[in-house]
């Protein structure tokens, strides 16, 4: 059974940094493309960043470009989201979503989420 678990969330002051981790169990993570989403109170879930392994590429929501970096360590079955220069508007529950490459119908999984709160 494939499970995703996010970690690394917490309370941070504006301008601070956090590193989120998304760790998979029950599978080899390198066959999945992984996306971070977030959902703020009263708002819809929105795309934050994606990492694709083949061919390698990353992409970011405009609001986090230059501040967030997505990366992966397949040996550890983990994808990271390094978040710098955090702003109050980054406050949300952050979710990890993994979609298996070349799967039809799509095989995908969500993590339960981790809370990030940016406040002084």
Protein backbone atom coordinates (compact mmCIF):
# COMPACT_ATOMS: atom_id res chain seq x y z
CA UNK A 1 0.00 0.00 0.00
CA UNK A 2 1.39 3.38 -1.05
CA UNK A 3 1.35 6.13 1.56
CA UNK A 4 2.55 9.71 1.46
CA UNK A 5 3.34 11.63 4.60
CA UNK A 6 4.20 15.32 4.75
CA UNK A 7 6.28 16.81 7.54
CA UNK A 8 8.13 20.00 8.40
CA UNK A 9 5.24 22.37 8.82
CA UNK A 10 4.88 24.75 11.74
CA UNK A 11 4.72 28.34 12.86
CA UNK A 12 7.28 30.75 11.44
CA UNK A 13 7.68 34.52 11.41
CA UNK A 14 7.42 36.49 8.17
CA UNK A 15 10.71 36.32 6.32
CA UNK A 16 11.53 32.96 7.85
CA UNK A 17 12.10 29.58 6.23
CA UNK A 18 10.72 26.07 6.44
CA UNK A 19 11.52 22.89 4.60
CA UNK A 20 8.64 20.52 3.96
CA UNK A 21 9.19 16.85 3.24
CA UNK A 22 6.94 14.39 1.44
CA UNK A 23 8.01 10.82 2.09
CA UNK A 24 6.55 7.82 0.31
CA UNK A 25 6.32 4.27 1.55
CA UNK A 26 5.24 1.13 -0.27
CA UNK A 27 6.73 2.11 -3.60
CA UNK A 28 9.78 3.41 -5.41
CA UNK A 29 9.18 7.14 -5.49
CA UNK A 30 11.29 7.73 -8.60
CA UNK A 31 8.46 6.58 -10.88
CA UNK A 32 6.22 9.38 -9.67
CA UNK A 33 5.98 13.03 -10.60
CA UNK A 34 5.29 14.99 -7.45
CA UNK A 35 3.36 18.19 -6.89
CA UNK A 36 2.92 20.38 -3.84
CA UNK A 37 -0.46 22.03 -3.39
CA UNK A 38 -1.76 24.27 -0.64
CA UNK A 39 -5.13 25.26 0.70
CA UNK A 40 -5.75 28.33 2.82
CA UNK A 41 -8.87 28.70 4.96
CA UNK A 42 -11.87 29.54 2.83
CA UNK A 43 -9.94 29.12 -0.41
CA UNK A 44 -9.60 26.43 -3.04
CA UNK A 45 -6.60 24.16 -3.15
CA UNK A 46 -3.94 25.66 -5.42
CA UNK A 47 -0.84 24.47 -7.23
CA UNK A 48 2.49 25.43 -5.65
CA UNK A 49 5.26 23.49 -7.40
CA UNK A 50 5.91 20.33 -9.40
CA UNK A 51 8.96 18.19 -10.04
CA UNK A 52 9.14 15.86 -13.01
CA UNK A 53 11.98 13.40 -13.36
CA UNK A 54 11.80 12.33 -17.00
CA UNK A 55 12.69 14.66 -18.61
CA UNK A 56 13.76 16.58 -15.53
CA UNK A 57 11.90 19.82 -14.94
CA UNK A 58 10.37 21.93 -12.23
CA UNK A 59 7.67 24.55 -12.30
CA UNK A 60 6.25 26.98 -9.76
CA UNK A 61 3.24 29.14 -9.11
CA UNK A 62 4.14 32.75 -9.86
CA UNK A 63 3.55 33.74 -6.24
CA UNK A 64 6.37 31.48 -4.98
CA UNK A 65 8.93 31.78 -7.79
CA UNK A 66 12.30 32.82 -6.44
CA UNK A 67 11.29 31.93 -2.87
CA UNK A 68 10.42 28.22 -2.98
CA UNK A 69 12.51 25.35 -4.34
CA UNK A 70 11.26 21.84 -5.01
CA UNK A 71 13.74 18.96 -5.06
CA UNK A 72 13.83 15.22 -4.58
CA UNK A 73 16.03 12.50 -3.15
CA UNK A 74 14.79 9.25 -4.64
CA UNK A 75 17.20 7.23 -2.51
CA UNK A 76 15.20 8.47 0.49
CA UNK A 77 11.84 8.33 -1.31
CA UNK A 78 11.39 12.00 -0.42
CA UNK A 79 10.48 15.22 -2.17
CA UNK A 80 11.24 18.51 -0.48
CA UNK A 81 9.83 22.00 -0.64
CA UNK A 82 12.28 24.59 0.64
CA UNK A 83 10.35 27.73 1.47
CA UNK A 84 12.24 30.97 2.07
CA UNK A 85 11.14 34.56 2.63
CA UNK A 86 7.81 33.33 3.87
CA UNK A 87 4.85 35.69 3.87
CA UNK A 88 1.59 35.61 5.84
CA UNK A 89 -0.22 34.76 2.61
CA UNK A 90 1.75 31.51 2.45
CA UNK A 91 -0.23 30.30 5.44
CA UNK A 92 -2.07 27.14 4.41
CA UNK A 93 -2.19 23.39 4.69
CA UNK A 94 0.39 22.02 2.27
CA UNK A 95 -0.32 18.74 0.50
CA UNK A 96 1.87 16.39 -1.45
CA UNK A 97 0.42 14.73 -4.56
CA UNK A 98 2.20 11.96 -6.46
CA UNK A 99 1.17 10.71 -9.86
CA UNK A 100 2.76 7.62 -11.37
CA UNK A 101 4.27 8.35 -14.75
CA UNK A 102 2.69 6.74 -17.82
CA UNK A 103 -0.23 5.37 -15.84
CA UNK A 104 -3.60 5.15 -17.54
CA UNK A 105 -5.98 5.47 -15.87
CA UNK A 106 -3.91 7.70 -13.60
CA UNK A 107 -2.51 6.19 -10.43
CA UNK A 108 -2.08 8.93 -7.86
CA UNK A 109 -1.94 9.55 -4.15
CA UNK A 110 -2.38 12.44 -1.72
CA UNK A 111 -0.78 12.98 1.63
CA UNK A 112 -2.82 14.16 4.64
CA UNK A 113 -1.18 17.60 4.65
CA UNK A 114 0.95 19.67 6.98
CA UNK A 115 0.03 23.07 8.39
CA UNK A 116 2.23 26.08 7.67
CA UNK A 117 1.46 29.27 9.57
CA UNK A 118 3.36 32.48 8.86
CA UNK A 119 2.68 35.04 11.56
CA UNK A 120 4.45 37.41 13.88
